[in-house]
Every structure is written in structure tokens, then in C-alpha cells.
N, C-alpha and C. Protein backbone atom coordinates (compact mmCIF):
# COMPACT_ATOMS: atom_id res chain seq x y z
N UNK A 1 123.11 62.93 102.93
CA UNK A 1 124.26 63.89 102.66
C UNK A 1 123.88 64.49 101.38
N UNK A 2 123.68 63.81 100.31
CA UNK A 2 123.47 64.27 99.01
C UNK A 2 122.14 65.17 98.93
N UNK A 3 121.16 64.77 99.73
CA UNK A 3 119.89 65.57 99.68
C UNK A 3 120.21 67.11 100.14
N UNK A 4 121.10 67.24 101.15
CA UNK A 4 121.34 68.44 101.71
C UNK A 4 122.14 69.30 100.73
N UNK A 5 122.90 68.62 100.03
CA UNK A 5 123.79 69.50 98.85
C UNK A 5 122.74 69.89 97.77
N UNK A 6 121.77 69.02 97.39
CA UNK A 6 120.93 69.52 96.32
C UNK A 6 119.95 70.64 96.87
N UNK A 7 119.63 70.55 98.06
CA UNK A 7 118.82 71.68 98.78
C UNK A 7 119.59 72.97 98.84
N UNK A 8 120.62 72.82 99.17
CA UNK A 8 121.47 74.08 99.25
C UNK A 8 121.78 74.58 98.04
N UNK A 9 121.97 73.85 96.95
CA UNK A 9 122.43 74.33 95.66
C UNK A 9 121.10 75.12 95.20
N UNK A 10 119.89 74.45 95.30
CA UNK A 10 118.64 75.03 94.95
C UNK A 10 118.47 76.58 95.49
N UNK A 11 118.72 76.62 96.78
CA UNK A 11 118.63 77.93 97.46
C UNK A 11 119.64 78.91 96.91
N UNK A 12 120.94 78.35 96.63
CA UNK A 12 121.89 79.38 96.13
C UNK A 12 121.30 79.90 94.80
N UNK A 13 120.77 79.02 93.97
CA UNK A 13 120.39 79.46 92.67
C UNK A 13 119.26 80.43 92.78
N UNK A 14 118.29 80.18 93.66
CA UNK A 14 117.25 81.02 93.91
C UNK A 14 117.72 82.43 94.36
N UNK A 15 118.55 82.41 95.22
CA UNK A 15 119.19 83.72 95.83
C UNK A 15 119.80 84.52 94.61
N UNK A 16 120.54 83.97 93.69
CA UNK A 16 121.15 84.47 92.58
C UNK A 16 120.10 85.00 91.61
N UNK A 17 119.08 84.36 91.46
CA UNK A 17 117.93 84.87 90.46
C UNK A 17 117.38 86.12 91.14
N UNK A 18 117.03 86.08 92.52
CA UNK A 18 116.51 87.21 93.07
C UNK A 18 117.37 88.39 93.08
N UNK A 19 118.66 88.15 93.29
CA UNK A 19 119.65 89.24 93.11
C UNK A 19 119.71 89.92 91.91
N UNK A 20 119.76 89.14 90.68
CA UNK A 20 119.79 89.57 89.36
C UNK A 20 118.56 90.42 89.20
N UNK A 21 117.33 90.02 89.64
CA UNK A 21 116.11 90.70 89.35
C UNK A 21 116.24 92.06 90.06
N UNK A 22 116.65 91.97 91.45
CA UNK A 22 116.71 93.29 92.17
C UNK A 22 117.69 94.26 91.50
N UNK A 23 118.92 93.79 90.95
CA UNK A 23 119.76 94.76 90.23
C UNK A 23 119.17 95.29 88.91
N UNK A 24 118.41 94.46 88.37
CA UNK A 24 117.65 94.99 86.97
C UNK A 24 116.75 95.97 87.41
N UNK A 25 115.86 95.80 88.55
CA UNK A 25 114.88 96.80 88.81
C UNK A 25 115.52 98.14 89.35
N UNK A 26 116.66 98.06 90.09
CA UNK A 26 117.39 99.26 90.38
C UNK A 26 117.85 99.91 89.15
N UNK A 27 118.33 99.24 88.27
CA UNK A 27 118.89 99.89 87.01
C UNK A 27 117.84 100.47 86.24
N UNK A 28 116.61 99.75 86.24
CA UNK A 28 115.52 100.43 85.50
C UNK A 28 115.02 101.81 86.07
N UNK A 29 114.84 101.67 87.50
CA UNK A 29 114.38 102.82 88.21
C UNK A 29 115.43 104.07 88.13
N UNK A 30 116.80 103.68 88.01
CA UNK A 30 117.79 104.62 87.80
C UNK A 30 117.69 105.35 86.41
N UNK A 31 117.36 104.48 85.50
CA UNK A 31 117.36 105.11 84.10
C UNK A 31 116.06 105.84 83.82
N UNK A 32 114.96 105.32 84.29
CA UNK A 32 113.76 105.98 84.07
C UNK A 32 113.13 106.70 85.17
N UNK A 33 113.87 107.02 86.19
CA UNK A 33 113.59 107.69 87.40
C UNK A 33 112.91 109.08 87.26
N UNK A 34 113.61 109.75 86.35
CA UNK A 34 113.10 111.17 85.93
C UNK A 34 111.71 111.00 85.37
N UNK A 35 111.50 110.12 84.19
CA UNK A 35 110.40 109.98 83.65
C UNK A 35 109.37 109.55 84.53
N UNK A 36 109.42 108.71 85.49
CA UNK A 36 108.49 108.10 86.32
C UNK A 36 107.97 109.26 87.30
N UNK A 37 108.90 109.97 87.81
CA UNK A 37 108.66 111.13 88.64
C UNK A 37 107.89 112.21 87.94
N UNK A 38 108.29 112.50 86.61
CA UNK A 38 107.49 113.44 85.77
C UNK A 38 106.04 113.06 85.54
N UNK A 39 105.81 111.73 85.19
CA UNK A 39 104.48 111.29 85.04
C UNK A 39 103.76 111.21 86.39
N UNK A 40 104.42 110.95 87.46
CA UNK A 40 103.67 111.06 88.74
C UNK A 40 103.17 112.47 89.04
N UNK A 41 104.14 113.43 88.80
CA UNK A 41 103.89 114.83 89.11
C UNK A 41 102.71 115.45 88.21
N UNK A 42 102.68 114.86 87.06
CA UNK A 42 101.72 115.43 86.03
C UNK A 42 100.33 114.71 86.58
N UNK A 43 100.33 113.52 87.07
CA UNK A 43 99.11 113.04 87.55
C UNK A 43 98.44 113.73 88.82
N UNK A 44 99.54 114.14 89.64
CA UNK A 44 99.14 114.84 90.81
C UNK A 44 98.80 116.25 90.44
N UNK A 45 99.29 116.79 89.45
CA UNK A 45 98.72 118.22 89.15
C UNK A 45 97.30 117.94 88.54
N UNK A 46 97.06 117.04 87.74
CA UNK A 46 95.65 116.84 87.25
C UNK A 46 94.62 116.61 88.30
N UNK A 47 95.16 115.89 89.33
CA UNK A 47 94.13 115.58 90.41
C UNK A 47 93.83 116.58 91.54
N UNK A 48 94.96 117.39 91.64
CA UNK A 48 94.89 118.63 92.71
C UNK A 48 95.28 119.81 92.14
N UNK A 49 94.51 120.61 91.59
CA UNK A 49 94.71 121.89 91.01
C UNK A 49 95.44 122.75 91.97
N UNK A 50 95.13 122.85 93.20
CA UNK A 50 95.72 123.75 94.17
C UNK A 50 97.28 123.48 94.34
N UNK A 51 97.73 122.23 94.12
CA UNK A 51 99.23 121.79 94.31
C UNK A 51 99.84 121.94 92.93
N UNK A 52 99.26 122.39 91.82
CA UNK A 52 99.80 122.28 90.52
C UNK A 52 101.11 123.02 90.37
N UNK A 53 101.40 124.16 91.06
CA UNK A 53 102.72 124.81 91.04
C UNK A 53 103.76 123.90 91.59
N UNK A 54 103.39 123.23 92.55
CA UNK A 54 104.54 122.38 93.21
C UNK A 54 104.87 121.27 92.30
N UNK A 55 103.87 120.74 91.60
CA UNK A 55 104.07 119.63 90.58
C UNK A 55 105.13 120.18 89.52
N UNK A 56 104.75 121.46 89.00
CA UNK A 56 105.64 121.96 87.89
C UNK A 56 107.02 122.13 88.45
N UNK A 57 107.26 122.57 89.72
CA UNK A 57 108.61 122.62 90.14
C UNK A 57 109.31 121.37 90.23
N UNK A 58 108.62 120.46 90.65
CA UNK A 58 109.17 118.89 90.66
C UNK A 58 109.57 118.57 89.17
N UNK A 59 108.82 118.89 88.21
CA UNK A 59 109.23 118.57 86.94
C UNK A 59 110.48 119.13 86.42
N UNK A 60 110.71 120.16 86.90
CA UNK A 60 112.01 121.06 86.40
C UNK A 60 113.40 120.61 86.93
N UNK A 61 113.31 119.75 88.07
CA UNK A 61 114.44 119.36 88.61
C UNK A 61 114.80 117.83 88.24
N UNK A 62 116.00 117.50 88.35
CA UNK A 62 116.47 116.22 87.91
C UNK A 62 116.51 115.34 89.29
N UNK A 63 116.55 113.95 89.09
CA UNK A 63 116.60 113.14 90.33
C UNK A 63 117.62 113.58 91.20
N UNK A 64 118.81 113.85 90.56
CA UNK A 64 120.08 114.08 91.37
C UNK A 64 119.90 115.22 92.03
N UNK A 65 119.36 116.43 91.44
CA UNK A 65 119.09 117.72 92.23
C UNK A 65 118.06 117.35 93.31
N UNK A 66 117.09 116.63 92.94
CA UNK A 66 116.16 116.31 94.10
C UNK A 66 116.58 115.69 95.22
N UNK A 67 117.48 114.77 94.97
CA UNK A 67 118.16 114.00 96.18
C UNK A 67 119.15 114.95 96.91
N UNK A 68 119.73 115.85 96.24
CA UNK A 68 120.64 116.76 96.89
C UNK A 68 119.74 117.81 97.85
N UNK A 69 118.59 118.14 97.49
CA UNK A 69 117.71 118.98 98.19
C UNK A 69 117.03 118.37 99.43
N UNK A 70 117.07 117.05 99.45
CA UNK A 70 116.51 116.47 100.46
C UNK A 70 117.14 116.58 101.91
N UNK A 71 116.64 116.85 102.95
CA UNK A 71 117.33 117.12 104.10
C UNK A 71 117.11 116.14 105.23
């Protein structure tokens, strides 16, 4: 009986650690989302000169506006 409790306790601790890491990742992407998108758009602009104007348009909008524009 004690072995089952220890096994269950270890699983709960693992789930809590995974949840904390997931929340931290969500927070980091929320804070740095605009920066990450701007860096990616800059890279796309450098790689594909035909689509450069679209990358510039993406840079001028925030994450919140970008999400509102999605259909």
C-alpha cells in the first residue's frame, strides 16, 4: 500500500513541475511575442525579397491586432 502512495506522490510532483514550466513558457511567449514575430518577419524579408512588403506590414502590427485580424 505504501508503494502506491509514493508512486502517486511522485507523479503529482512531476505534473506540478510540468505545469509550472508550461505556465512560464506561456508567460515568456506572451511578453516577447512581438519581438519574436518581428525577428521572424525580418528573417523572412531577408530570405524572400518578393514578400518583403508583407513582412514590413507584419512588423507594424502588434500581437493583439494580429489576433483580431485572424478570421
